[in-house]
PDB file of N, CA and C in Angstrom:
ATOM      1  N   UNK A   1     -22.517 -18.334  -3.872  1.00  0.00           N
ATOM      2  CA  UNK A   1     -23.209 -17.903  -2.685  1.00  0.00           C
ATOM      3  C   UNK A   1     -22.294 -18.105  -1.491  1.00  0.00           C
ATOM      4  N   UNK A   2     -22.210 -17.121  -0.656  1.00  0.00           N
ATOM      5  CA  UNK A   2     -21.322 -17.175   0.503  1.00  0.00           C
ATOM      6  C   UNK A   2     -22.021 -17.878   1.654  1.00  0.00           C
ATOM      7  N   UNK A   3     -21.362 -18.893   2.207  1.00  0.00           N
ATOM      8  CA  UNK A   3     -21.947 -19.600   3.343  1.00  0.00           C
ATOM      9  C   UNK A   3     -21.735 -18.831   4.642  1.00  0.00           C
ATOM     10  N   UNK A   4     -20.904 -17.791   4.620  1.00  0.00           N
ATOM     11  CA  UNK A   4     -20.624 -17.005   5.814  1.00  0.00           C
ATOM     12  C   UNK A   4     -21.785 -16.084   6.173  1.00  0.00           C
ATOM     13  N   UNK A   5     -22.631 -15.787   5.219  1.00  0.00           N
ATOM     14  CA  UNK A   5     -23.755 -14.882   5.453  1.00  0.00           C
ATOM     15  C   UNK A   5     -25.020 -15.701   5.676  1.00  0.00           C
ATOM     16  N   UNK A   6     -25.741 -15.389   6.750  1.00  0.00           N
ATOM     17  CA  UNK A   6     -27.026 -16.044   6.974  1.00  0.00           C
ATOM     18  C   UNK A   6     -27.998 -15.574   5.905  1.00  0.00           C
ATOM     19  N   UNK A   7     -28.755 -16.495   5.322  1.00  0.00           N
ATOM     20  CA  UNK A   7     -29.701 -16.084   4.283  1.00  0.00           C
ATOM     21  C   UNK A   7     -30.725 -15.082   4.820  1.00  0.00           C
ATOM     22  N   UNK A   8     -31.035 -14.090   4.015  1.00  0.00           N
ATOM     23  CA  UNK A   8     -32.065 -13.131   4.409  1.00  0.00           C
ATOM     24  C   UNK A   8     -33.373 -13.881   4.610  1.00  0.00           C
ATOM     25  N   UNK A   9     -34.194 -13.382   5.518  1.00  0.00           N
ATOM     26  CA  UNK A   9     -35.428 -14.078   5.858  1.00  0.00           C
ATOM     27  C   UNK A   9     -36.680 -13.285   5.525  1.00  0.00           C
ATOM     28  N   UNK A  10     -36.541 -11.969   5.324  1.00  0.00           N
ATOM     29  CA  UNK A  10     -37.729 -11.141   5.120  1.00  0.00           C
ATOM     30  C   UNK A  10     -37.566 -10.207   3.924  1.00  0.00           C
ATOM     31  N   UNK A  11     -38.701  -9.747   3.437  1.00  0.00           N
ATOM     32  CA  UNK A  11     -38.715  -8.770   2.351  1.00  0.00           C
ATOM     33  C   UNK A  11     -37.971  -7.508   2.766  1.00  0.00           C
ATOM     34  N   UNK A  12     -38.168  -7.063   3.991  1.00  0.00           N
ATOM     35  CA  UNK A  12     -37.508  -5.839   4.463  1.00  0.00           C
ATOM     36  C   UNK A  12     -35.990  -5.970   4.396  1.00  0.00           C
ATOM     37  N   UNK A  13     -35.466  -7.143   4.752  1.00  0.00           N
ATOM     38  CA  UNK A  13     -34.015  -7.356   4.682  1.00  0.00           C
ATOM     39  C   UNK A  13     -33.514  -7.263   3.239  1.00  0.00           C
ATOM     40  N   UNK A  14     -34.252  -7.855   2.325  1.00  0.00           N
ATOM     41  CA  UNK A  14     -33.857  -7.823   0.910  1.00  0.00           C
ATOM     42  C   UNK A  14     -33.878  -6.394   0.393  1.00  0.00           C
ATOM     43  N   UNK A  15     -34.960  -5.674   0.652  1.00  0.00           N
ATOM     44  CA  UNK A  15     -35.080  -4.300   0.163  1.00  0.00           C
ATOM     45  C   UNK A  15     -33.988  -3.412   0.753  1.00  0.00           C
ATOM     46  N   UNK A  16     -33.617  -3.650   2.004  1.00  0.00           N
ATOM     47  CA  UNK A  16     -32.538  -2.873   2.619  1.00  0.00           C
ATOM     48  C   UNK A  16     -31.210  -3.143   1.917  1.00  0.00           C
ATOM     49  N   UNK A  17     -30.924  -4.392   1.607  1.00  0.00           N
ATOM     50  CA  UNK A  17     -29.683  -4.721   0.895  1.00  0.00           C
ATOM     51  C   UNK A  17     -29.668  -4.050  -0.472  1.00  0.00           C
ATOM     52  N   UNK A  18     -30.781  -4.112  -1.188  1.00  0.00           N
ATOM     53  CA  UNK A  18     -30.843  -3.457  -2.500  1.00  0.00           C
ATOM     54  C   UNK A  18     -30.595  -1.961  -2.364  1.00  0.00           C
ATOM     55  N   UNK A  19     -31.166  -1.360  -1.337  1.00  0.00           N
ATOM     56  CA  UNK A  19     -30.969   0.067  -1.097  1.00  0.00           C
ATOM     57  C   UNK A  19     -29.532   0.371  -0.681  1.00  0.00           C
ATOM     58  N   UNK A  20     -28.987  -0.445   0.219  1.00  0.00           N
ATOM     59  CA  UNK A  20     -27.617  -0.228   0.700  1.00  0.00           C
ATOM     60  C   UNK A  20     -26.588  -0.330  -0.424  1.00  0.00           C
ATOM     61  N   UNK A  21     -26.856  -1.158  -1.409  1.00  0.00           N
ATOM     62  CA  UNK A  21     -25.920  -1.366  -2.514  1.00  0.00           C
ATOM     63  C   UNK A  21     -26.346  -0.628  -3.781  1.00  0.00           C
ATOM     64  N   UNK A  22     -27.189   0.393  -3.624  1.00  0.00           N
ATOM     65  CA  UNK A  22     -27.710   1.129  -4.781  1.00  0.00           C
ATOM     66  C   UNK A  22     -26.594   1.671  -5.671  1.00  0.00           C
ATOM     67  N   UNK A  23     -25.562   2.247  -5.080  1.00  0.00           N
ATOM     68  CA  UNK A  23     -24.480   2.826  -5.882  1.00  0.00           C
ATOM     69  C   UNK A  23     -23.770   1.748  -6.700  1.00  0.00           C
ATOM     70  N   UNK A  24     -23.465   0.633  -6.087  1.00  0.00           N
ATOM     71  CA  UNK A  24     -22.810  -0.472  -6.794  1.00  0.00           C
ATOM     72  C   UNK A  24     -23.713  -1.008  -7.897  1.00  0.00           C
ATOM     73  N   UNK A  25     -24.995  -1.143  -7.603  1.00  0.00           N
ATOM     74  CA  UNK A  25     -25.961  -1.641  -8.584  1.00  0.00           C
ATOM     75  C   UNK A  25     -26.045  -0.680  -9.767  1.00  0.00           C
ATOM     76  N   UNK A  26     -26.075   0.611  -9.497  1.00  0.00           N
ATOM     77  CA  UNK A  26     -26.089   1.612 -10.586  1.00  0.00           C
ATOM     78  C   UNK A  26     -24.835   1.508 -11.442  1.00  0.00           C
ATOM     79  N   UNK A  27     -23.683   1.275 -10.808  1.00  0.00           N
ATOM     80  CA  UNK A  27     -22.424   1.160 -11.556  1.00  0.00           C
ATOM     81  C   UNK A  27     -22.431  -0.043 -12.499  1.00  0.00           C
ATOM     82  N   UNK A  28     -23.298  -0.995 -12.244  1.00  0.00           N
ATOM     83  CA  UNK A  28     -23.441  -2.151 -13.132  1.00  0.00           C
ATOM     84  C   UNK A  28     -24.427  -1.868 -14.263  1.00  0.00           C
ATOM     85  N   UNK A  29     -24.854  -0.622 -14.385  1.00  0.00           N
ATOM     86  CA  UNK A  29     -25.724  -0.223 -15.482  1.00  0.00           C
ATOM     87  C   UNK A  29     -27.205  -0.364 -15.219  1.00  0.00           C
ATOM     88  N   UNK A  30     -27.576  -0.682 -13.985  1.00  0.00           N
ATOM     89  CA  UNK A  30     -28.985  -0.872 -13.648  1.00  0.00           C
ATOM     90  C   UNK A  30     -29.634   0.486 -13.392  1.00  0.00           C
ATOM     91  N   UNK A  31     -30.774   0.726 -14.031  1.00  0.00           N
ATOM     92  CA  UNK A  31     -31.514   1.969 -13.803  1.00  0.00           C
ATOM     93  C   UNK A  31     -32.769   1.739 -12.962  1.00  0.00           C
ATOM     94  N   UNK A  32     -33.202   0.481 -12.868  1.00  0.00           N
ATOM     95  CA  UNK A  32     -34.376   0.169 -12.057  1.00  0.00           C
ATOM     96  C   UNK A  32     -34.242  -1.266 -11.560  1.00  0.00           C
ATOM     97  N   UNK A  33     -34.567  -1.473 -10.286  1.00  0.00           N
ATOM     98  CA  UNK A  33     -34.491  -2.811  -9.705  1.00  0.00           C
ATOM     99  C   UNK A  33     -35.637  -2.986  -8.718  1.00  0.00           C
ATOM    100  N   UNK A  34     -36.219  -4.168  -8.726  1.00  0.00           N
ATOM    101  CA  UNK A  34     -37.317  -4.446  -7.816  1.00  0.00           C
ATOM    102  C   UNK A  34     -37.404  -5.920  -7.477  1.00  0.00           C
ATOM    103  N   UNK A  35     -38.120  -6.209  -6.433  1.00  0.00           N
ATOM    104  CA  UNK A  35     -38.305  -7.559  -5.921  1.00  0.00           C
ATOM    105  C   UNK A  35     -39.717  -8.024  -6.253  1.00  0.00           C
ATOM    106  N   UNK A  36     -39.843  -9.289  -6.653  1.00  0.00           N
ATOM    107  CA  UNK A  36     -41.164  -9.878  -6.858  1.00  0.00           C
ATOM    108  C   UNK A  36     -41.115 -11.328  -6.379  1.00  0.00           C
ATOM    109  N   UNK A  37     -42.226 -12.007  -6.443  1.00  0.00           N
ATOM    110  CA  UNK A  37     -42.248 -13.422  -6.073  1.00  0.00           C
ATOM    111  C   UNK A  37     -42.588 -13.651  -4.614  1.00  0.00           C
ATOM    112  N   UNK A  38     -42.120 -14.779  -4.102  1.00  0.00           N
ATOM    113  CA  UNK A  38     -42.537 -15.227  -2.768  1.00  0.00           C
ATOM    114  C   UNK A  38     -42.196 -14.238  -1.662  1.00  0.00           C
ATOM    115  N   UNK A  39     -41.060 -13.536  -1.768  1.00  0.00           N
ATOM    116  CA  UNK A  39     -40.702 -12.580  -0.711  1.00  0.00           C
ATOM    117  C   UNK A  39     -41.667 -11.397  -0.673  1.00  0.00           C
ATOM    118  N   UNK A  40     -42.130 -10.952  -1.817  1.00  0.00           N
ATOM    119  CA  UNK A  40     -43.086  -9.837  -1.851  1.00  0.00           C
ATOM    120  C   UNK A  40     -44.428 -10.281  -1.279  1.00  0.00           C
ATOM    121  N   UNK A  41     -44.788 -11.525  -1.545  1.00  0.00           N
ATOM    122  CA  UNK A  41     -46.072 -12.055  -1.063  1.00  0.00           C
ATOM    123  C   UNK A  41     -45.978 -12.606   0.362  1.00  0.00           C
ATOM    124  N   UNK A  42     -44.785 -12.502   0.984  1.00  0.00           N
ATOM    125  CA  UNK A  42     -44.549 -13.065   2.326  1.00  0.00           C
ATOM    126  C   UNK A  42     -44.871 -14.555   2.377  1.00  0.00           C
ATOM    127  N   UNK A  43     -44.519 -15.263   1.291  1.00  0.00           N
ATOM    128  CA  UNK A  43     -44.719 -16.708   1.211  1.00  0.00           C
ATOM    129  C   UNK A  43     -43.386 -17.446   1.104  1.00  0.00           C
ATOM    130  N   UNK A  44     -42.291 -16.765   1.432  1.00  0.00           N
ATOM    131  CA  UNK A  44     -40.969 -17.376   1.306  1.00  0.00           C
ATOM    132  C   UNK A  44     -40.784 -18.503   2.312  1.00  0.00           C
ATOM    133  N   UNK A  45     -39.920 -19.429   1.927  1.00  0.00           N
ATOM    134  CA  UNK A  45     -39.533 -20.542   2.789  1.00  0.00           C
ATOM    135  C   UNK A  45     -38.012 -20.497   2.924  1.00  0.00           C
ATOM    136  N   UNK A  46     -37.434 -21.313   3.799  1.00  0.00           N
ATOM    137  CA  UNK A  46     -35.969 -21.334   3.897  1.00  0.00           C
ATOM    138  C   UNK A  46     -35.281 -21.693   2.576  1.00  0.00           C
ATOM    139  N   UNK A  47     -35.981 -22.376   1.680  1.00  0.00           N
ATOM    140  CA  UNK A  47     -35.403 -22.770   0.398  1.00  0.00           C
ATOM    141  C   UNK A  47     -35.691 -21.777  -0.726  1.00  0.00           C
ATOM    142  N   UNK A  48     -36.485 -20.759  -0.471  1.00  0.00           N
ATOM    143  CA  UNK A  48     -36.881 -19.820  -1.530  1.00  0.00           C
ATOM    144  C   UNK A  48     -35.693 -19.069  -2.102  1.00  0.00           C
ATOM    145  N   UNK A  49     -35.768 -18.844  -3.413  1.00  0.00           N
ATOM    146  CA  UNK A  49     -34.793 -17.956  -4.042  1.00  0.00           C
ATOM    147  C   UNK A  49     -35.374 -16.551  -4.050  1.00  0.00           C
ATOM    148  N   UNK A  50     -34.578 -15.610  -4.511  1.00  0.00           N
ATOM    149  CA  UNK A  50     -35.046 -14.233  -4.656  1.00  0.00           C
ATOM    150  C   UNK A  50     -35.310 -13.972  -6.126  1.00  0.00           C
ATOM    151  N   UNK A  51     -36.423 -13.340  -6.408  1.00  0.00           N
ATOM    152  CA  UNK A  51     -36.778 -12.970  -7.773  1.00  0.00           C
ATOM    153  C   UNK A  51     -36.633 -11.465  -7.904  1.00  0.00           C
ATOM    154  N   UNK A  52     -35.740 -11.050  -8.800  1.00  0.00           N
ATOM    155  CA  UNK A  52     -35.409  -9.636  -8.953  1.00  0.00           C
ATOM    156  C   UNK A  52     -35.641  -9.225 -10.402  1.00  0.00           C
ATOM    157  N   UNK A  53     -36.344  -8.115 -10.585  1.00  0.00           N
ATOM    158  CA  UNK A  53     -36.606  -7.561 -11.913  1.00  0.00           C
ATOM    159  C   UNK A  53     -35.733  -6.332 -12.100  1.00  0.00           C
ATOM    160  N   UNK A  54     -35.018  -6.268 -13.218  1.00  0.00           N
ATOM    161  CA  UNK A  54     -34.121  -5.138 -13.469  1.00  0.00           C
ATOM    162  C   UNK A  54     -34.313  -4.575 -14.867  1.00  0.00           C
ATOM    163  N   UNK A  55     -33.982  -3.301 -14.980  1.00  0.00           N
ATOM    164  CA  UNK A  55     -33.833  -2.624 -16.270  1.00  0.00           C
ATOM    165  C   UNK A  55     -32.420  -2.091 -16.313  1.00  0.00           C
ATOM    166  N   UNK A  56     -31.722  -2.393 -17.403  1.00  0.00           N
ATOM    167  CA  UNK A  56     -30.385  -1.857 -17.616  1.00  0.00           C
ATOM    168  C   UNK A  56     -30.469  -0.634 -18.508  1.00  0.00           C
ATOM    169  N   UNK A  57     -29.540   0.295 -18.316  1.00  0.00           N
ATOM    170  CA  UNK A  57     -29.425   1.454 -19.201  1.00  0.00           C
ATOM    171  C   UNK A  57     -29.058   0.961 -20.598  1.00  0.00           C
ATOM    172  N   UNK A  58     -29.368   1.768 -21.588  1.00  0.00           N
ATOM    173  CA  UNK A  58     -29.045   1.442 -22.977  1.00  0.00           C
ATOM    174  C   UNK A  58     -27.570   1.066 -23.095  1.00  0.00           C
ATOM    175  N   UNK A  59     -27.302  -0.096 -23.674  1.00  0.00           N
ATOM    176  CA  UNK A  59     -25.938  -0.544 -23.892  1.00  0.00           C
ATOM    177  C   UNK A  59     -25.257  -1.153 -22.681  1.00  0.00           C
ATOM    178  N   UNK A  60     -25.955  -1.236 -21.545  1.00  0.00           N
ATOM    179  CA  UNK A  60     -25.347  -1.749 -20.311  1.00  0.00           C
ATOM    180  C   UNK A  60     -25.788  -3.169 -19.960  1.00  0.00           C
ATOM    181  N   UNK A  61     -26.688  -3.745 -20.741  1.00  0.00           N
ATOM    182  CA  UNK A  61     -27.168  -5.101 -20.464  1.00  0.00           C
ATOM    183  C   UNK A  61     -26.169  -6.114 -21.009  1.00  0.00           C
ATOM    184  N   UNK A  62     -24.970  -6.098 -20.430  1.00  0.00           N
ATOM    185  CA  UNK A  62     -23.910  -7.003 -20.871  1.00  0.00           C
ATOM    186  C   UNK A  62     -23.892  -8.251 -19.996  1.00  0.00           C
ATOM    187  N   UNK A  63     -23.254  -9.286 -20.507  1.00  0.00           N
ATOM    188  CA  UNK A  63     -23.106 -10.520 -19.739  1.00  0.00           C
ATOM    189  C   UNK A  63     -22.383 -10.244 -18.422  1.00  0.00           C
ATOM    190  N   UNK A  64     -21.302  -9.467 -18.494  1.00  0.00           N
ATOM    191  CA  UNK A  64     -20.525  -9.171 -17.284  1.00  0.00           C
ATOM    192  C   UNK A  64     -21.352  -8.425 -16.248  1.00  0.00           C
ATOM    193  N   UNK A  65     -22.100  -7.401 -16.667  1.00  0.00           N
ATOM    194  CA  UNK A  65     -22.930  -6.650 -15.719  1.00  0.00           C
ATOM    195  C   UNK A  65     -24.007  -7.541 -15.112  1.00  0.00           C
ATOM    196  N   UNK A  66     -24.626  -8.368 -15.948  1.00  0.00           N
ATOM    197  CA  UNK A  66     -25.671  -9.273 -15.473  1.00  0.00           C
ATOM    198  C   UNK A  66     -25.106 -10.242 -14.431  1.00  0.00           C
ATOM    199  N   UNK A  67     -23.987 -10.880 -14.761  1.00  0.00           N
ATOM    200  CA  UNK A  67     -23.397 -11.862 -13.849  1.00  0.00           C
ATOM    201  C   UNK A  67     -22.865 -11.201 -12.578  1.00  0.00           C
ATOM    202  N   UNK A  68     -22.247 -10.031 -12.712  1.00  0.00           N
ATOM    203  CA  UNK A  68     -21.765  -9.318 -11.521  1.00  0.00           C
ATOM    204  C   UNK A  68     -22.918  -8.959 -10.595  1.00  0.00           C
ATOM    205  N   UNK A  69     -24.056  -8.569 -11.167  1.00  0.00           N
ATOM    206  CA  UNK A  69     -25.236  -8.268 -10.354  1.00  0.00           C
ATOM    207  C   UNK A  69     -25.722  -9.534  -9.645  1.00  0.00           C
ATOM    208  N   UNK A  70     -25.806 -10.636 -10.373  1.00  0.00           N
ATOM    209  CA  UNK A  70     -26.224 -11.907  -9.762  1.00  0.00           C
ATOM    210  C   UNK A  70     -25.305 -12.291  -8.612  1.00  0.00           C
ATOM    211  N   UNK A  71     -23.995 -12.223  -8.844  1.00  0.00           N
ATOM    212  CA  UNK A  71     -23.033 -12.597  -7.799  1.00  0.00           C
ATOM    213  C   UNK A  71     -23.133 -11.669  -6.588  1.00  0.00           C
ATOM    214  N   UNK A  72     -23.252 -10.371  -6.826  1.00  0.00           N
ATOM    215  CA  UNK A  72     -23.385  -9.410  -5.733  1.00  0.00           C
ATOM    216  C   UNK A  72     -24.601  -9.746  -4.873  1.00  0.00           C
ATOM    217  N   UNK A  73     -25.746  -9.935  -5.519  1.00  0.00           N
ATOM    218  CA  UNK A  73     -26.975 -10.180  -4.773  1.00  0.00           C
ATOM    219  C   UNK A  73     -26.932 -11.516  -4.039  1.00  0.00           C
ATOM    220  N   UNK A  74     -26.377 -12.541  -4.669  1.00  0.00           N
ATOM    221  CA  UNK A  74     -26.271 -13.832  -3.987  1.00  0.00           C
ATOM    222  C   UNK A  74     -25.315 -13.755  -2.801  1.00  0.00           C
ATOM    223  N   UNK A  75     -24.192 -13.069  -2.984  1.00  0.00           N
ATOM    224  CA  UNK A  75     -23.223 -12.935  -1.891  1.00  0.00           C
ATOM    225  C   UNK A  75     -23.804 -12.164  -0.710  1.00  0.00           C
ATOM    226  N   UNK A  76     -24.550 -11.110  -0.988  1.00  0.00           N
ATOM    227  CA  UNK A  76     -25.051 -10.243   0.084  1.00  0.00           C
ATOM    228  C   UNK A  76     -26.323 -10.758   0.746  1.00  0.00           C
ATOM    229  N   UNK A  77     -27.091 -11.597   0.039  1.00  0.00           N
ATOM    230  CA  UNK A  77     -28.340 -12.103   0.616  1.00  0.00           C
ATOM    231  C   UNK A  77     -28.222 -13.530   1.129  1.00  0.00           C
ATOM    232  N   UNK A  78     -27.185 -14.249   0.700  1.00  0.00           N
ATOM    233  CA  UNK A  78     -27.047 -15.638   1.104  1.00  0.00           C
ATOM    234  C   UNK A  78     -28.064 -16.560   0.463  1.00  0.00           C
ATOM    235  N   UNK A  79     -28.693 -16.100  -0.618  1.00  0.00           N
ATOM    236  CA  UNK A  79     -29.704 -16.898  -1.321  1.00  0.00           C
ATOM    237  C   UNK A  79     -29.413 -16.932  -2.808  1.00  0.00           C
ATOM    238  N   UNK A  80     -29.954 -17.953  -3.467  1.00  0.00           N
ATOM    239  CA  UNK A  80     -29.920 -17.995  -4.920  1.00  0.00           C
ATOM    240  C   UNK A  80     -30.811 -16.861  -5.419  1.00  0.00           C
ATOM    241  N   UNK A  81     -30.382 -16.203  -6.481  1.00  0.00           N
ATOM    242  CA  UNK A  81     -31.127 -15.062  -7.006  1.00  0.00           C
ATOM    243  C   UNK A  81     -31.421 -15.289  -8.482  1.00  0.00           C
ATOM    244  N   UNK A  82     -32.679 -15.117  -8.859  1.00  0.00           N
ATOM    245  CA  UNK A  82     -33.067 -15.129 -10.265  1.00  0.00           C
ATOM    246  C   UNK A  82     -33.265 -13.683 -10.694  1.00  0.00           C
ATOM    247  N   UNK A  83     -32.395 -13.219 -11.586  1.00  0.00           N
ATOM    248  CA  UNK A  83     -32.490 -11.854 -12.103  1.00  0.00           C
ATOM    249  C   UNK A  83     -33.162 -11.918 -13.467  1.00  0.00           C
ATOM    250  N   UNK A  84     -34.252 -11.174 -13.606  1.00  0.00           N
ATOM    251  CA  UNK A  84     -35.027 -11.133 -14.838  1.00  0.00           C
ATOM    252  C   UNK A  84     -35.033  -9.696 -15.339  1.00  0.00           C
ATOM    253  N   UNK A  85     -34.821  -9.521 -16.635  1.00  0.00           N
ATOM    254  CA  UNK A  85     -34.908  -8.172 -17.199  1.00  0.00           C
ATOM    255  C   UNK A  85     -36.328  -7.923 -17.691  1.00  0.00           C
ATOM    256  N   UNK A  86     -36.752  -6.691 -17.614  1.00  0.00           N
ATOM    257  CA  UNK A  86     -38.090  -6.331 -18.073  1.00  0.00           C
ATOM    258  C   UNK A  86     -38.276  -6.713 -19.535  1.00  0.00           C
ATOM    259  N   UNK A  87     -37.232  -6.531 -20.329  1.00  0.00           N
ATOM    260  CA  UNK A  87     -37.320  -6.847 -21.761  1.00  0.00           C
ATOM    261  C   UNK A  87     -37.522  -8.333 -22.022  1.00  0.00           C
ATOM    262  N   UNK A  88     -37.123  -9.176 -21.085  1.00  0.00           N
ATOM    263  CA  UNK A  88     -37.230 -10.624 -21.295  1.00  0.00           C
ATOM    264  C   UNK A  88     -38.544 -11.212 -20.783  1.00  0.00           C
ATOM    265  N   UNK A  89     -39.403 -10.386 -20.199  1.00  0.00           N
ATOM    266  CA  UNK A  89     -40.649 -10.897 -19.633  1.00  0.00           C
ATOM    267  C   UNK A  89     -41.570 -11.450 -20.713  1.00  0.00           C
ATOM    268  N   UNK A  90     -42.161 -12.565 -20.411  1.00  0.00           N
ATOM    269  CA  UNK A  90     -43.155 -13.172 -21.291  1.00  0.00           C
ATOM    270  C   UNK A  90     -44.420 -12.313 -21.284  1.00  0.00           C
ATOM    271  N   UNK A  91     -45.100 -12.209 -22.431  1.00  0.00           N
ATOM    272  CA  UNK A  91     -46.356 -11.447 -22.442  1.00  0.00           C
ATOM    273  C   UNK A  91     -47.438 -12.095 -21.577  1.00  0.00           C
ATOM    274  N   UNK A  92     -47.246 -13.353 -21.208  1.00  0.00           N
ATOM    275  CA  UNK A  92     -48.236 -14.051 -20.390  1.00  0.00           C
ATOM    276  C   UNK A  92     -47.992 -13.843 -18.900  1.00  0.00           C
ATOM    277  N   UNK A  93     -46.744 -13.941 -18.476  1.00  0.00           N
ATOM    278  CA  UNK A  93     -46.401 -13.808 -17.057  1.00  0.00           C
ATOM    279  C   UNK A  93     -46.026 -12.373 -16.695  1.00  0.00           C
ATOM    280  N   UNK A  94     -45.488 -11.639 -17.646  1.00  0.00           N
ATOM    281  CA  UNK A  94     -45.012 -10.276 -17.406  1.00  0.00           C
ATOM    282  C   UNK A  94     -45.977  -9.372 -16.674  1.00  0.00           C
ATOM    283  N   UNK A  95     -47.244  -9.295 -17.107  1.00  0.00           N
ATOM    284  CA  UNK A  95     -48.179  -8.398 -16.418  1.00  0.00           C
ATOM    285  C   UNK A  95     -48.357  -8.734 -14.940  1.00  0.00           C
ATOM    286  N   UNK A  96     -48.303 -10.010 -14.589  1.00  0.00           N
ATOM    287  CA  UNK A  96     -48.440 -10.405 -13.181  1.00  0.00           C
ATOM    288  C   UNK A  96     -47.226  -9.952 -12.375  1.00  0.00           C
ATOM    289  N   UNK A  97     -46.048 -10.079 -12.975  1.00  0.00           N
ATOM    290  CA  UNK A  97     -44.822  -9.641 -12.300  1.00  0.00           C
ATOM    291  C   UNK A  97     -44.835  -8.128 -12.117  1.00  0.00           C
ATOM    292  N   UNK A  98     -45.183  -7.406 -13.174  1.00  0.00           N
ATOM    293  CA  UNK A  98     -45.212  -5.937 -13.118  1.00  0.00           C
ATOM    294  C   UNK A  98     -46.172  -5.461 -12.029  1.00  0.00           C
ATOM    295  N   UNK A  99     -47.304  -6.131 -11.867  1.00  0.00           N
ATOM    296  CA  UNK A  99     -48.278  -5.737 -10.842  1.00  0.00           C
ATOM    297  C   UNK A  99     -47.793  -6.027  -9.428  1.00  0.00           C
ATOM    298  N   UNK A 100     -46.858  -6.966  -9.291  1.00  0.00           N
ATOM    299  CA  UNK A 100     -46.415  -7.409  -7.974  1.00  0.00           C
ATOM    300  C   UNK A 100     -45.103  -6.774  -7.517  1.00  0.00           C
ATOM    301  N   UNK A 101     -44.278  -6.357  -8.448  1.00  0.00           N
ATOM    302  CA  UNK A 101     -42.914  -5.929  -8.131  1.00  0.00           C
ATOM    303  C   UNK A 101     -42.900  -4.720  -7.190  1.00  0.00           C
ATOM    304  N   UNK A 102     -41.963  -4.746  -6.249  1.00  0.00           N
ATOM    305  CA  UNK A 102     -41.722  -3.605  -5.356  1.00  0.00           C
ATOM    306  C   UNK A 102     -40.342  -3.065  -5.697  1.00  0.00           C
ATOM    307  N   UNK A 103     -40.325  -1.859  -6.268  1.00  0.00           N
ATOM    308  CA  UNK A 103     -39.077  -1.253  -6.728  1.00  0.00           C
ATOM    309  C   UNK A 103     -38.332  -0.574  -5.587  1.00  0.00           C
ATOM    310  N   UNK A 104     -37.027  -0.488  -5.758  1.00  0.00           N
ATOM    311  CA  UNK A 104     -36.150   0.204  -4.817  1.00  0.00           C
ATOM    312  C   UNK A 104     -35.620   1.441  -5.510  1.00  0.00           C
ATOM    313  N   UNK A 105     -35.624   2.566  -4.804  1.00  0.00           N
ATOM    314  CA  UNK A 105     -35.083   3.804  -5.353  1.00  0.00           C
ATOM    315  C   UNK A 105     -33.561   3.716  -5.360  1.00  0.00           C
ATOM    316  N   UNK A 106     -32.970   3.767  -6.549  1.00  0.00           N
ATOM    317  CA  UNK A 106     -31.514   3.686  -6.671  1.00  0.00           C
ATOM    318  C   UNK A 106     -30.845   5.049  -6.608  1.00  0.00           C
ATOM    319  N   UNK A 107     -31.625   6.111  -6.559  1.00  0.00           N
ATOM    320  CA  UNK A 107     -31.061   7.470  -6.478  1.00  0.00           C
ATOM    321  C   UNK A 107     -30.823   7.824  -5.024  1.00  0.00           C
ATOM    322  N   UNK A 108     -29.642   8.343  -4.767  1.00  0.00           N
ATOM    323  CA  UNK A 108     -29.328   8.722  -3.378  1.00  0.00           C
ATOM    324  C   UNK A 108     -28.961  10.167  -3.309  1.00  0.00           C
TER     325      UNK A 108
END
């Protein structure tokens, strides 16, 4: 995480960063990305991390792509980021996340 960047404070800031970096995110094999958790509910605190849900294209869910996405998002938002794939969602928590997530259009 870069200390040079002030941590994002609002959902709008996070969604703008995701949108601004859509091309880079797509190049990492991501076909869908969205925000969930405290930022979506406007319950974030200065210590809150970002919760991001992603779907990778077939064959693109590699360790390198996953880690590069994590590093990109942490560097650009100034916050710790938890990246969760749709395929890894628990059947117990998954439905709650799916109902809450706000997706970003990666097509430009």
